[in-house]
Amino acid sequence: MDRRQFLAAVAASSAAAASPFAMAQDWPANPVRWVVPYPPGGGTDVLARTVAESMRKTLNQTIVVDNRPGASTNIGGQLVASAKPDGYTIMSADNAILAFNEHLFSKLPFSPDKDFTYVGGISRFPMALVVNPAFEAKDFKEFLAYAKANPGKLNYASPGNGSPHHLAMELFKNRTGTSLTHIPYKGAAPALADVMGGQVPCMFLDLASGLPVIQSGKVRALAIGTAKRVPNLPNVPTLAELGLKDSEVYAFQGILGPKGLPPAIVQRLNADLQKAFKDPDVVKRMADFGMEALPGTPEQFHQLARTEAKRWGEVIKTAGVKLD
């Protein structure tokens, strides 16, 4: 073998070793970073840590949760979109990155459809229309009648502009022809505190943060925004039951990686995610939060995200909501 042939052989060997297939065979040889685009302690963070711990056992590798909050989850999204597609950086992604932000911002540093690899869905957070217990409307029918009789005079709280809770009420207004006044807060906790305290009469509340206060009677749930009633609140009717068609409202989330993640790594991550859904600790945590698991393929998760992006894009456009 002459020098030229030798160098060609070395180059071919190096290329094969660096190929996605070779990388996938050796993966994971190092700890995996799981980016959570929210502060520690919230429902998304707690669920990510619970699922990550379960997947750690099957991957036989450490998973480090890295909280990167800010800019309506765009900071975390940009970090992952620009990461090396080697399987060592993944993230929790919810409605914001997957369905809302492309309509809320005039320009994003990434495309949710083209700049990520979809790994799989994790969960869906049912949302409930709740009121302060002292509010005069005792059920959904009375609430709707009150809203229609008092256009613009009924205030509602949300964790902030463009949040799932805010947009859920915008969808409600659109479907019912009502006019309510939005009172945005900086986070779910202060919004919920004022609804419990009676300063604001109502809001849409995700069960991940609101189930305990509903069950304790500190707020009263009038309707659930999922297709079926939730086991934790069997006596609360769905919006569909109450006559509001095409009015499902929920927060959902799953796992994304950078664009170009090798298929073998995606398959491995998805397979271990499916196993996590059977882990008793994960099952219990989801039940405690009133969450619904979202098992399925990467393709199913991607399709769900695109369907939701189209649906909520129409709501956002009609409501005229913008974050820049």
C-alpha atoms as a PDB file:
ATOM      1  CA  MET A   1       0.000   0.000   0.000  1.00  0.00           C
ATOM      2  CA  ASP A   2       1.511   3.300  -1.057  1.00  0.00           C
ATOM      3  CA  ARG A   3       1.322   6.518   0.982  1.00  0.00           C
ATOM      4  CA  ARG A   4      -1.701   7.834  -0.904  1.00  0.00           C
ATOM      5  CA  GLN A   5      -3.640   4.615  -0.357  1.00  0.00           C
ATOM      6  CA  PHE A   6      -2.650   4.592   3.305  1.00  0.00           C
ATOM      7  CA  LEU A   7      -3.892   8.156   3.860  1.00  0.00           C
ATOM      8  CA  ALA A   8      -7.140   7.372   2.055  1.00  0.00           C
ATOM      9  CA  ALA A   9      -7.683   4.348   4.276  1.00  0.00           C
ATOM     10  CA  VAL A  10      -7.030   6.397   7.417  1.00  0.00           C
ATOM     11  CA  ALA A  11      -9.455   9.107   6.260  1.00  0.00           C
ATOM     12  CA  ALA A  12     -12.148   6.537   5.512  1.00  0.00           C
ATOM     13  CA  SER A  13     -11.641   4.920   8.914  1.00  0.00           C
ATOM     14  CA  SER A  14     -11.864   8.288  10.687  1.00  0.00           C
ATOM     15  CA  ALA A  15     -15.038   9.213   8.801  1.00  0.00           C
ATOM     16  CA  ALA A  16     -16.636   5.912   9.725  1.00  0.00           C
ATOM     17  CA  ALA A  17     -15.704   6.391  13.389  1.00  0.00           C
ATOM     18  CA  ALA A  18     -17.261   9.877  13.368  1.00  0.00           C
ATOM     19  CA  SER A  19     -20.364   8.836  11.448  1.00  0.00           C
ATOM     20  CA  PRO A  20     -23.775   9.075  13.117  1.00  0.00           C
ATOM     21  CA  PHE A  21     -24.033   5.276  13.058  1.00  0.00           C
ATOM     22  CA  ALA A  22     -20.749   4.888  14.925  1.00  0.00           C
ATOM     23  CA  MET A  23     -21.736   7.624  17.372  1.00  0.00           C
ATOM     24  CA  ALA A  24     -25.049   5.907  18.016  1.00  0.00           C
ATOM     25  CA  GLN A  25     -23.334   2.575  18.715  1.00  0.00           C
ATOM     26  CA  ASP A  26     -21.196   4.149  21.454  1.00  0.00           C
ATOM     27  CA  TRP A  27     -23.947   6.339  22.882  1.00  0.00           C
ATOM     28  CA  PRO A  28     -24.339   7.237  25.704  1.00  0.00           C
ATOM     29  CA  ALA A  29     -20.699   7.214  26.806  1.00  0.00           C
ATOM     30  CA  ASN A  30     -21.061  10.495  28.743  1.00  0.00           C
ATOM     31  CA  PRO A  31     -23.754  12.196  30.869  1.00  0.00           C
ATOM     32  CA  VAL A  32     -26.756  13.538  28.952  1.00  0.00           C
ATOM     33  CA  ARG A  33     -27.878  17.140  29.511  1.00  0.00           C
ATOM     34  CA  TRP A  34     -31.656  17.634  29.755  1.00  0.00           C
ATOM     35  CA  VAL A  35     -32.531  21.314  29.324  1.00  0.00           C
ATOM     36  CA  VAL A  36     -35.678  22.538  31.090  1.00  0.00           C
ATOM     37  CA  PRO A  37     -36.666  26.040  29.882  1.00  0.00           C
ATOM     38  CA  TYR A  38     -38.277  26.910  33.240  1.00  0.00           C
ATOM     39  CA  PRO A  39     -37.009  27.615  36.780  1.00  0.00           C
ATOM     40  CA  PRO A  40     -36.583  24.706  39.215  1.00  0.00           C
ATOM     41  CA  GLY A  41     -39.558  23.512  41.201  1.00  0.00           C
ATOM     42  CA  GLY A  42     -42.420  23.878  38.715  1.00  0.00           C
ATOM     43  CA  GLY A  43     -44.456  21.054  37.219  1.00  0.00           C
ATOM     44  CA  THR A  44     -42.329  20.813  34.060  1.00  0.00           C
ATOM     45  CA  ASP A  45     -39.106  20.716  36.065  1.00  0.00           C
ATOM     46  CA  VAL A  46     -40.351  18.123  38.557  1.00  0.00           C
ATOM     47  CA  LEU A  47     -41.703  15.884  35.805  1.00  0.00           C
ATOM     48  CA  ALA A  48     -38.481  16.157  33.792  1.00  0.00           C
ATOM     49  CA  ARG A  49     -36.425  15.130  36.816  1.00  0.00           C
ATOM     50  CA  THR A  50     -38.743  12.215  37.538  1.00  0.00           C
ATOM     51  CA  VAL A  51     -38.654  10.921  33.964  1.00  0.00           C
ATOM     52  CA  ALA A  52     -34.908  11.576  33.690  1.00  0.00           C
ATOM     53  CA  GLU A  53     -34.261   9.475  36.789  1.00  0.00           C
ATOM     54  CA  SER A  54     -36.294   6.628  35.311  1.00  0.00           C
ATOM     55  CA  MET A  55     -34.514   6.847  31.947  1.00  0.00           C
ATOM     56  CA  ARG A  56     -31.138   6.978  33.715  1.00  0.00           C
ATOM     57  CA  LYS A  57     -31.699   3.421  34.881  1.00  0.00           C
ATOM     58  CA  THR A  58     -32.343   2.071  31.383  1.00  0.00           C
ATOM     59  CA  LEU A  59     -29.743   4.236  29.631  1.00  0.00           C
ATOM     60  CA  ASN A  60     -27.223   3.340  32.350  1.00  0.00           C
ATOM     61  CA  GLN A  61     -25.941   6.900  32.224  1.00  0.00           C
ATOM     62  CA  THR A  62     -26.333  10.090  34.263  1.00  0.00           C
ATOM     63  CA  ILE A  63     -28.891  12.638  33.045  1.00  0.00           C
ATOM     64  CA  VAL A  64     -28.238  16.174  34.303  1.00  0.00           C
ATOM     65  CA  VAL A  65     -31.203  18.572  34.344  1.00  0.00           C
ATOM     66  CA  ASP A  66     -30.125  22.070  33.281  1.00  0.00           C
ATOM     67  CA  ASN A  67     -32.689  24.823  33.981  1.00  0.00           C
ATOM     68  CA  ARG A  68     -32.537  27.614  31.370  1.00  0.00           C
ATOM     69  CA  PRO A  69     -35.619  29.823  31.895  1.00  0.00           C
ATOM     70  CA  GLY A  70     -36.448  33.024  30.063  1.00  0.00           C
ATOM     71  CA  ALA A  71     -37.930  34.611  26.951  1.00  0.00           C
ATOM     72  CA  SER A  72     -41.022  32.385  26.998  1.00  0.00           C
ATOM     73  CA  THR A  73     -38.785  29.269  26.752  1.00  0.00           C
ATOM     74  CA  ASN A  74     -36.899  30.639  23.720  1.00  0.00           C
ATOM     75  CA  ILE A  75     -33.577  30.750  25.595  1.00  0.00           C
ATOM     76  CA  GLY A  76     -33.668  27.016  26.235  1.00  0.00           C
ATOM     77  CA  GLY A  77     -34.972  26.364  22.742  1.00  0.00           C
ATOM     78  CA  GLN A  78     -32.155  28.295  21.071  1.00  0.00           C
ATOM     79  CA  LEU A  79     -29.569  26.516  23.228  1.00  0.00           C
ATOM     80  CA  VAL A  80     -30.779  23.089  22.116  1.00  0.00           C
ATOM     81  CA  ALA A  81     -31.398  24.060  18.481  1.00  0.00           C
ATOM     82  CA  SER A  82     -27.747  25.119  18.206  1.00  0.00           C
ATOM     83  CA  ALA A  83     -26.318  22.148  20.128  1.00  0.00           C
ATOM     84  CA  LYS A  84     -24.267  19.409  18.513  1.00  0.00           C
ATOM     85  CA  PRO A  85     -26.616  16.590  17.390  1.00  0.00           C
ATOM     86  CA  ASP A  86     -24.775  13.851  19.254  1.00  0.00           C
ATOM     87  CA  GLY A  87     -27.495  12.816  21.704  1.00  0.00           C
ATOM     88  CA  TYR A  88     -25.931  14.562  24.690  1.00  0.00           C
ATOM     89  CA  THR A  89     -28.313  17.550  24.708  1.00  0.00           C
ATOM     90  CA  ILE A  90     -32.096  17.153  24.819  1.00  0.00           C
ATOM     91  CA  MET A  91     -34.880  19.281  26.287  1.00  0.00           C
ATOM     92  CA  SER A  92     -38.385  19.438  27.654  1.00  0.00           C
ATOM     93  CA  ALA A  93     -40.548  21.347  25.175  1.00  0.00           C
ATOM     94  CA  ASP A  94     -44.134  22.408  25.742  1.00  0.00           C
ATOM     95  CA  ASN A  95     -46.862  24.466  24.046  1.00  0.00           C
ATOM     96  CA  ALA A  96     -44.659  27.564  24.008  1.00  0.00           C
ATOM     97  CA  ILE A  97     -41.877  26.249  21.765  1.00  0.00           C
ATOM     98  CA  LEU A  98     -44.023  23.680  19.978  1.00  0.00           C
ATOM     99  CA  ALA A  99     -47.175  25.642  19.158  1.00  0.00           C
ATOM    100  CA  PHE A 100     -47.352  29.235  20.454  1.00  0.00           C
ATOM    101  CA  ASN A 101     -44.136  31.177  19.995  1.00  0.00           C
ATOM    102  CA  GLU A 102     -44.007  31.065  16.213  1.00  0.00           C
ATOM    103  CA  HIS A 103     -47.270  33.050  16.284  1.00  0.00           C
ATOM    104  CA  LEU A 104     -46.545  35.211  19.340  1.00  0.00           C
ATOM    105  CA  PHE A 105     -43.163  36.511  18.145  1.00  0.00           C
ATOM    106  CA  SER A 106     -42.478  38.193  14.823  1.00  0.00           C
ATOM    107  CA  LYS A 107     -39.112  36.437  14.670  1.00  0.00           C
ATOM    108  CA  LEU A 108     -37.708  33.368  16.417  1.00  0.00           C
ATOM    109  CA  PRO A 109     -34.067  32.215  16.624  1.00  0.00           C
ATOM    110  CA  PHE A 110     -35.196  28.768  15.463  1.00  0.00           C
ATOM    111  CA  SER A 111     -37.973  26.994  13.590  1.00  0.00           C
ATOM    112  CA  PRO A 112     -39.954  24.601  15.802  1.00  0.00           C
ATOM    113  CA  ASP A 113     -40.739  22.493  12.749  1.00  0.00           C
ATOM    114  CA  LYS A 114     -37.305  22.367  11.098  1.00  0.00           C
ATOM    115  CA  ASP A 115     -34.580  22.983  13.696  1.00  0.00           C
ATOM    116  CA  PHE A 116     -35.286  20.134  16.119  1.00  0.00           C
ATOM    117  CA  THR A 117     -35.490  16.356  16.195  1.00  0.00           C
ATOM    118  CA  TYR A 118     -38.703  15.141  17.815  1.00  0.00           C
ATOM    119  CA  VAL A 119     -38.129  12.295  20.286  1.00  0.00           C
ATOM    120  CA  GLY A 120     -41.533  11.686  21.884  1.00  0.00           C
ATOM    121  CA  GLY A 121     -44.370  13.096  23.955  1.00  0.00           C
ATOM    122  CA  ILE A 122     -44.243  12.995  27.744  1.00  0.00           C
ATOM    123  CA  SER A 123     -47.528  14.254  29.115  1.00  0.00           C
ATOM    124  CA  ARG A 124     -50.602  16.367  28.783  1.00  0.00           C
ATOM    125  CA  PHE A 125     -51.692  18.716  31.601  1.00  0.00           C
ATOM    126  CA  PRO A 126     -55.485  19.047  31.682  1.00  0.00           C
ATOM    127  CA  MET A 127     -56.751  22.576  32.276  1.00  0.00           C
ATOM    128  CA  ALA A 128     -59.838  23.534  34.235  1.00  0.00           C
ATOM    129  CA  LEU A 129     -61.977  26.653  34.322  1.00  0.00           C
ATOM    130  CA  VAL A 130     -62.028  27.599  38.014  1.00  0.00           C
ATOM    131  CA  VAL A 131     -63.662  30.320  40.081  1.00  0.00           C
ATOM    132  CA  ASN A 132     -63.330  31.622  43.606  1.00  0.00           C
ATOM    133  CA  PRO A 133     -65.763  29.650  45.826  1.00  0.00           C
ATOM    134  CA  ALA A 134     -67.642  32.841  46.727  1.00  0.00           C
ATOM    135  CA  PHE A 135     -68.279  33.782  43.095  1.00  0.00           C
ATOM    136  CA  GLU A 136     -72.011  33.901  42.398  1.00  0.00           C
ATOM    137  CA  ALA A 137     -71.935  31.515  39.425  1.00  0.00           C
ATOM    138  CA  LYS A 138     -72.179  28.019  40.899  1.00  0.00           C
ATOM    139  CA  ASP A 139     -71.793  26.028  37.674  1.00  0.00           C
ATOM    140  CA  PHE A 140     -70.683  26.491  34.077  1.00  0.00           C
ATOM    141  CA  LYS A 141     -74.143  27.435  32.815  1.00  0.00           C
ATOM    142  CA  GLU A 142     -74.416  30.225  35.372  1.00  0.00           C
ATOM    143  CA  PHE A 143     -70.849  31.378  34.659  1.00  0.00           C
ATOM    144  CA  LEU A 144     -71.544  31.642  30.931  1.00  0.00           C
ATOM    145  CA  ALA A 145     -74.790  33.529  31.578  1.00  0.00           C
ATOM    146  CA  TYR A 146     -72.957  35.950  33.886  1.00  0.00           C
ATOM    147  CA  ALA A 147     -70.179  36.540  31.331  1.00  0.00           C
ATOM    148  CA  LYS A 148     -72.691  37.261  28.583  1.00  0.00           C
ATOM    149  CA  ALA A 149     -74.711  39.601  30.809  1.00  0.00           C
ATOM    150  CA  ASN A 150     -71.591  41.541  31.869  1.00  0.00           C
ATOM    151  CA  PRO A 151     -69.400  42.014  28.786  1.00  0.00           C
ATOM    152  CA  GLY A 152     -65.919  43.282  29.648  1.00  0.00           C
ATOM    153  CA  LYS A 153     -66.662  43.426  33.361  1.00  0.00           C
ATOM    154  CA  LEU A 154     -65.546  39.910  34.314  1.00  0.00           C
ATOM    155  CA  ASN A 155     -61.803  39.738  34.999  1.00  0.00           C
ATOM    156  CA  TYR A 156     -59.699  36.607  34.649  1.00  0.00           C
ATOM    157  CA  ALA A 157     -56.155  35.870  35.795  1.00  0.00           C
ATOM    158  CA  SER A 158     -53.326  34.091  34.002  1.00  0.00           C
ATOM    159  CA  PRO A 159     -49.603  33.435  34.617  1.00  0.00           C
ATOM    160  CA  GLY A 160     -48.814  35.898  31.834  1.00  0.00           C
ATOM    161  CA  ASN A 161     -49.449  36.993  28.273  1.00  0.00           C
ATOM    162  CA  GLY A 162     -49.215  34.129  25.813  1.00  0.00           C
ATOM    163  CA  SER A 163     -49.347  31.429  28.495  1.00  0.00           C
ATOM    164  CA  PRO A 164     -51.512  28.334  27.889  1.00  0.00           C
ATOM    165  CA  HIS A 165     -53.866  29.638  30.575  1.00  0.00           C
ATOM    166  CA  HIS A 166     -54.269  32.995  28.826  1.00  0.00           C
ATOM    167  CA  LEU A 167     -54.834  31.426  25.419  1.00  0.00           C
ATOM    168  CA  ALA A 168     -57.269  28.889  26.863  1.00  0.00           C
ATOM    169  CA  MET A 169     -59.502  31.764  27.940  1.00  0.00           C
ATOM    170  CA  GLU A 170     -59.097  33.431  24.551  1.00  0.00           C
ATOM    171  CA  LEU A 171     -60.344  30.209  22.962  1.00  0.00           C
ATOM    172  CA  PHE A 172     -63.236  30.141  25.431  1.00  0.00           C
ATOM    173  CA  LYS A 173     -64.145  33.736  24.554  1.00  0.00           C
ATOM    174  CA  ASN A 174     -63.994  32.901  20.863  1.00  0.00           C
ATOM    175  CA  ARG A 175     -66.225  29.839  21.177  1.00  0.00           C
ATOM    176  CA  THR A 176     -68.793  31.509  23.452  1.00  0.00           C
ATOM    177  CA  GLY A 177     -68.860  35.048  22.042  1.00  0.00           C
ATOM    178  CA  THR A 178     -68.071  36.531  25.441  1.00  0.00           C
ATOM    179  CA  SER A 179     -65.809  39.398  26.477  1.00  0.00           C
ATOM    180  CA  LEU A 180     -63.645  39.026  29.597  1.00  0.00           C
ATOM    181  CA  THR A 181     -60.781  41.242  30.766  1.00  0.00           C
ATOM    182  CA  HIS A 182     -57.325  39.708  31.060  1.00  0.00           C
ATOM    183  CA  ILE A 183     -55.241  40.331  34.207  1.00  0.00           C
ATOM    184  CA  PRO A 184     -51.763  38.892  33.523  1.00  0.00           C
ATOM    185  CA  TYR A 185     -49.464  37.947  36.411  1.00  0.00           C
ATOM    186  CA  LYS A 186     -45.810  36.965  36.580  1.00  0.00           C
ATOM    187  CA  GLY A 187     -46.339  33.266  37.133  1.00  0.00           C
ATOM    188  CA  ALA A 188     -49.072  30.798  38.032  1.00  0.00           C
ATOM    189  CA  ALA A 189     -48.619  31.069  41.809  1.00  0.00           C
ATOM    190  CA  PRO A 190     -49.551  34.773  42.203  1.00  0.00           C
ATOM    191  CA  ALA A 191     -52.401  34.420  39.692  1.00  0.00           C
ATOM    192  CA  LEU A 192     -53.850  31.475  41.577  1.00  0.00           C
ATOM    193  CA  ALA A 193     -53.334  33.238  44.918  1.00  0.00           C
ATOM    194  CA  ASP A 194     -55.499  36.155  43.805  1.00  0.00           C
ATOM    195  CA  VAL A 195     -58.231  33.853  42.500  1.00  0.00           C
ATOM    196  CA  MET A 196     -58.240  32.004  45.828  1.00  0.00           C
ATOM    197  CA  GLY A 197     -58.271  35.349  47.634  1.00  0.00           C
ATOM    198  CA  GLY A 198     -61.157  36.702  45.569  1.00  0.00           C
ATOM    199  CA  GLN A 199     -59.258  39.622  44.014  1.00  0.00           C
ATOM    200  CA  VAL A 200     -59.887  38.085  40.583  1.00  0.00           C
ATOM    201  CA  PRO A 201     -62.878  35.761  40.182  1.00  0.00           C
ATOM    202  CA  CYS A 202     -61.668  33.183  37.662  1.00  0.00           C
ATOM    203  CA  MET A 203     -58.948  31.670  35.486  1.00  0.00           C
ATOM    204  CA  PHE A 204     -58.015  28.591  33.504  1.00  0.00           C
ATOM    205  CA  LEU A 205     -55.764  26.508  35.728  1.00  0.00           C
ATOM    206  CA  ASP A 206     -53.562  23.552  34.811  1.00  0.00           C
ATOM    207  CA  LEU A 207     -54.015  20.574  37.113  1.00  0.00           C
ATOM    208  CA  ALA A 208     -50.249  20.187  37.534  1.00  0.00           C
ATOM    209  CA  SER A 209     -50.279  23.222  39.814  1.00  0.00           C
ATOM    210  CA  GLY A 210     -53.957  23.437  40.660  1.00  0.00           C
ATOM    211  CA  LEU A 211     -55.260  19.973  41.490  1.00  0.00           C
ATOM    212  CA  PRO A 212     -54.648  20.212  45.268  1.00  0.00           C
ATOM    213  CA  VAL A 213     -56.415  23.573  45.593  1.00  0.00           C
ATOM    214  CA  ILE A 214     -59.387  22.284  43.591  1.00  0.00           C
ATOM    215  CA  GLN A 215     -59.641  19.155  45.705  1.00  0.00           C
ATOM    216  CA  SER A 216     -59.353  21.190  48.901  1.00  0.00           C
ATOM    217  CA  GLY A 217     -62.169  23.520  47.815  1.00  0.00           C
ATOM    218  CA  LYS A 218     -60.018  26.663  47.688  1.00  0.00           C
ATOM    219  CA  VAL A 219     -61.253  27.158  44.123  1.00  0.00           C
ATOM    220  CA  ARG A 220     -64.227  25.566  42.376  1.00  0.00           C
ATOM    221  CA  ALA A 221     -63.765  23.806  39.032  1.00  0.00           C
ATOM    222  CA  LEU A 222     -66.614  24.417  36.577  1.00  0.00           C
ATOM    223  CA  ALA A 223     -65.298  22.527  33.544  1.00  0.00           C
ATOM    224  CA  ILE A 224     -62.335  20.507  32.262  1.00  0.00           C
ATOM    225  CA  GLY A 225     -60.783  21.201  28.881  1.00  0.00           C
ATOM    226  CA  THR A 226     -59.955  17.611  27.902  1.00  0.00           C
ATOM    227  CA  ALA A 227     -62.000  15.267  25.709  1.00  0.00           C
ATOM    228  CA  LYS A 228     -62.889  13.016  28.662  1.00  0.00           C
ATOM    229  CA  ARG A 229     -63.378  13.669  32.353  1.00  0.00           C
ATOM    230  CA  VAL A 230     -60.229  13.273  34.438  1.00  0.00           C
ATOM    231  CA  PRO A 231     -60.087  10.552  37.124  1.00  0.00           C
ATOM    232  CA  ASN A 232     -58.971  13.008  39.816  1.00  0.00           C
ATOM    233  CA  LEU A 233     -62.096  15.158  39.306  1.00  0.00           C
ATOM    234  CA  PRO A 234     -64.796  12.756  38.110  1.00  0.00           C
ATOM    235  CA  ASN A 235     -67.676  15.124  38.894  1.00  0.00           C
ATOM    236  CA  VAL A 236     -66.341  18.011  36.803  1.00  0.00           C
ATOM    237  CA  PRO A 237     -67.840  17.973  33.268  1.00  0.00           C
ATOM    238  CA  THR A 238     -65.829  18.609  30.108  1.00  0.00           C
ATOM    239  CA  LEU A 239     -66.333  21.669  27.943  1.00  0.00           C
ATOM    240  CA  ALA A 240     -67.499  19.346  25.174  1.00  0.00           C
ATOM    241  CA  GLU A 241     -70.181  17.887  27.445  1.00  0.00           C
ATOM    242  CA  LEU A 242     -71.310  21.424  28.160  1.00  0.00           C
ATOM    243  CA  GLY A 243     -71.779  22.180  24.475  1.00  0.00           C
ATOM    244  CA  LEU A 244     -68.432  23.762  23.497  1.00  0.00           C
ATOM    245  CA  LYS A 245     -67.132  21.756  20.581  1.00  0.00           C
ATOM    246  CA  ASP A 246     -63.494  21.968  19.462  1.00  0.00           C
ATOM    247  CA  SER A 247     -62.577  23.577  22.774  1.00  0.00           C
ATOM    248  CA  GLU A 248     -59.966  21.230  24.217  1.00  0.00           C
ATOM    249  CA  VAL A 249     -57.464  23.186  26.292  1.00  0.00           C
ATOM    250  CA  TYR A 250     -54.397  21.561  27.791  1.00  0.00           C
ATOM    251  CA  ALA A 251     -50.674  22.045  28.152  1.00  0.00           C
ATOM    252  CA  PHE A 252     -48.574  19.296  26.597  1.00  0.00           C
ATOM    253  CA  GLN A 253     -44.882  18.536  26.530  1.00  0.00           C
ATOM    254  CA  GLY A 254     -42.309  16.142  25.183  1.00  0.00           C
ATOM    255  CA  ILE A 255     -38.627  15.726  24.366  1.00  0.00           C
ATOM    256  CA  LEU A 256     -36.725  17.475  21.573  1.00  0.00           C
ATOM    257  CA  GLY A 257     -33.130  17.223  20.435  1.00  0.00           C
ATOM    258  CA  PRO A 258     -31.139  19.270  17.922  1.00  0.00           C
ATOM    259  CA  LYS A 259     -31.796  18.815  14.215  1.00  0.00           C
ATOM    260  CA  GLY A 260     -29.873  15.866  12.783  1.00  0.00           C
ATOM    261  CA  LEU A 261     -29.969  13.613  15.837  1.00  0.00           C
ATOM    262  CA  PRO A 262     -29.023  10.122  14.567  1.00  0.00           C
ATOM    263  CA  PRO A 263     -32.104   7.879  14.112  1.00  0.00           C
ATOM    264  CA  ALA A 264     -30.582   5.135  16.267  1.00  0.00           C
ATOM    265  CA  ILE A 265     -30.242   7.558  19.201  1.00  0.00           C
ATOM    266  CA  VAL A 266     -33.784   8.850  18.669  1.00  0.00           C
ATOM    267  CA  GLN A 267     -35.092   5.278  18.715  1.00  0.00           C
ATOM    268  CA  ARG A 268     -33.147   4.484  21.883  1.00  0.00           C
ATOM    269  CA  LEU A 269     -34.365   7.615  23.670  1.00  0.00           C
ATOM    270  CA  ASN A 270     -37.953   6.986  22.606  1.00  0.00           C
ATOM    271  CA  ALA A 271     -37.803   3.333  23.675  1.00  0.00           C
ATOM    272  CA  ASP A 272     -36.491   4.269  27.120  1.00  0.00           C
ATOM    273  CA  LEU A 273     -39.118   7.013  27.391  1.00  0.00           C
ATOM    274  CA  GLN A 274     -41.847   4.449  26.719  1.00  0.00           C
ATOM    275  CA  LYS A 275     -40.383   2.265  29.486  1.00  0.00           C
ATOM    276  CA  ALA A 276     -40.483   5.241  31.857  1.00  0.00           C
ATOM    277  CA  PHE A 277     -44.268   5.443  31.455  1.00  0.00           C
ATOM    278  CA  LYS A 278     -44.469   2.067  33.228  1.00  0.00           C
ATOM    279  CA  ASP A 279     -42.167   3.101  36.085  1.00  0.00           C
ATOM    280  CA  PRO A 280     -44.248   3.270  39.324  1.00  0.00           C
ATOM    281  CA  ASP A 281     -42.517   6.512  40.363  1.00  0.00           C
ATOM    282  CA  VAL A 282     -43.404   8.186  37.050  1.00  0.00           C
ATOM    283  CA  VAL A 283     -46.952   6.829  37.134  1.00  0.00           C
ATOM    284  CA  LYS A 284     -47.444   8.156  40.670  1.00  0.00           C
ATOM    285  CA  ARG A 285     -45.958  11.567  39.906  1.00  0.00           C
ATOM    286  CA  MET A 286     -48.212  12.009  36.882  1.00  0.00           C
ATOM    287  CA  ALA A 287     -51.232  10.931  38.914  1.00  0.00           C
ATOM    288  CA  ASP A 288     -50.322  13.362  41.706  1.00  0.00           C
ATOM    289  CA  PHE A 289     -50.160  16.189  39.165  1.00  0.00           C
ATOM    290  CA  GLY A 290     -53.304  15.137  37.312  1.00  0.00           C
ATOM    291  CA  MET A 291     -51.265  14.553  34.149  1.00  0.00           C
ATOM    292  CA  GLU A 292     -52.022  12.230  31.267  1.00  0.00           C
ATOM    293  CA  ALA A 293     -49.119  10.296  29.723  1.00  0.00           C
ATOM    294  CA  LEU A 294     -48.448  10.863  26.017  1.00  0.00           C
ATOM    295  CA  PRO A 295     -46.792   7.659  24.772  1.00  0.00           C
ATOM    296  CA  GLY A 296     -46.072   7.266  21.071  1.00  0.00           C
ATOM    297  CA  THR A 297     -43.563   7.575  18.276  1.00  0.00           C
ATOM    298  CA  PRO A 298     -41.452  10.618  17.389  1.00  0.00           C
ATOM    299  CA  GLU A 299     -43.610  11.056  14.285  1.00  0.00           C
ATOM    300  CA  GLN A 300     -46.812  11.113  16.357  1.00  0.00           C
ATOM    301  CA  PHE A 301     -45.346  13.719  18.692  1.00  0.00           C
ATOM    302  CA  HIS A 302     -44.254  15.878  15.747  1.00  0.00           C
ATOM    303  CA  GLN A 303     -47.711  15.619  14.181  1.00  0.00           C
ATOM    304  CA  LEU A 304     -49.392  16.591  17.461  1.00  0.00           C
ATOM    305  CA  ALA A 305     -47.156  19.647  17.748  1.00  0.00           C
ATOM    306  CA  ARG A 306     -47.879  20.803  14.183  1.00  0.00           C
ATOM    307  CA  THR A 307     -51.628  20.250  14.600  1.00  0.00           C
ATOM    308  CA  GLU A 308     -51.646  22.251  17.830  1.00  0.00           C
ATOM    309  CA  ALA A 309     -49.513  25.002  16.252  1.00  0.00           C
ATOM    310  CA  LYS A 310     -52.107  25.461  13.505  1.00  0.00           C
ATOM    311  CA  ARG A 311     -55.033  25.423  15.921  1.00  0.00           C
ATOM    312  CA  TRP A 312     -53.516  27.893  18.380  1.00  0.00           C
ATOM    313  CA  GLY A 313     -52.151  30.081  15.610  1.00  0.00           C
ATOM    314  CA  GLU A 314     -55.738  30.838  14.618  1.00  0.00           C
ATOM    315  CA  VAL A 315     -56.671  31.634  18.241  1.00  0.00           C
ATOM    316  CA  ILE A 316     -53.645  33.926  18.687  1.00  0.00           C
ATOM    317  CA  LYS A 317     -54.322  35.757  15.413  1.00  0.00           C
ATOM    318  CA  THR A 318     -57.984  36.305  16.258  1.00  0.00           C
ATOM    319  CA  ALA A 319     -57.132  37.558  19.746  1.00  0.00           C
ATOM    320  CA  GLY A 320     -54.317  39.775  18.440  1.00  0.00           C
ATOM    321  CA  VAL A 321     -51.825  38.557  21.051  1.00  0.00           C
ATOM    322  CA  LYS A 322     -48.170  39.493  20.483  1.00  0.00           C
ATOM    323  CA  LEU A 323     -45.116  39.281  22.751  1.00  0.00           C
ATOM    324  CA  ASP A 324     -42.794  41.635  20.834  1.00  0.00           C
END
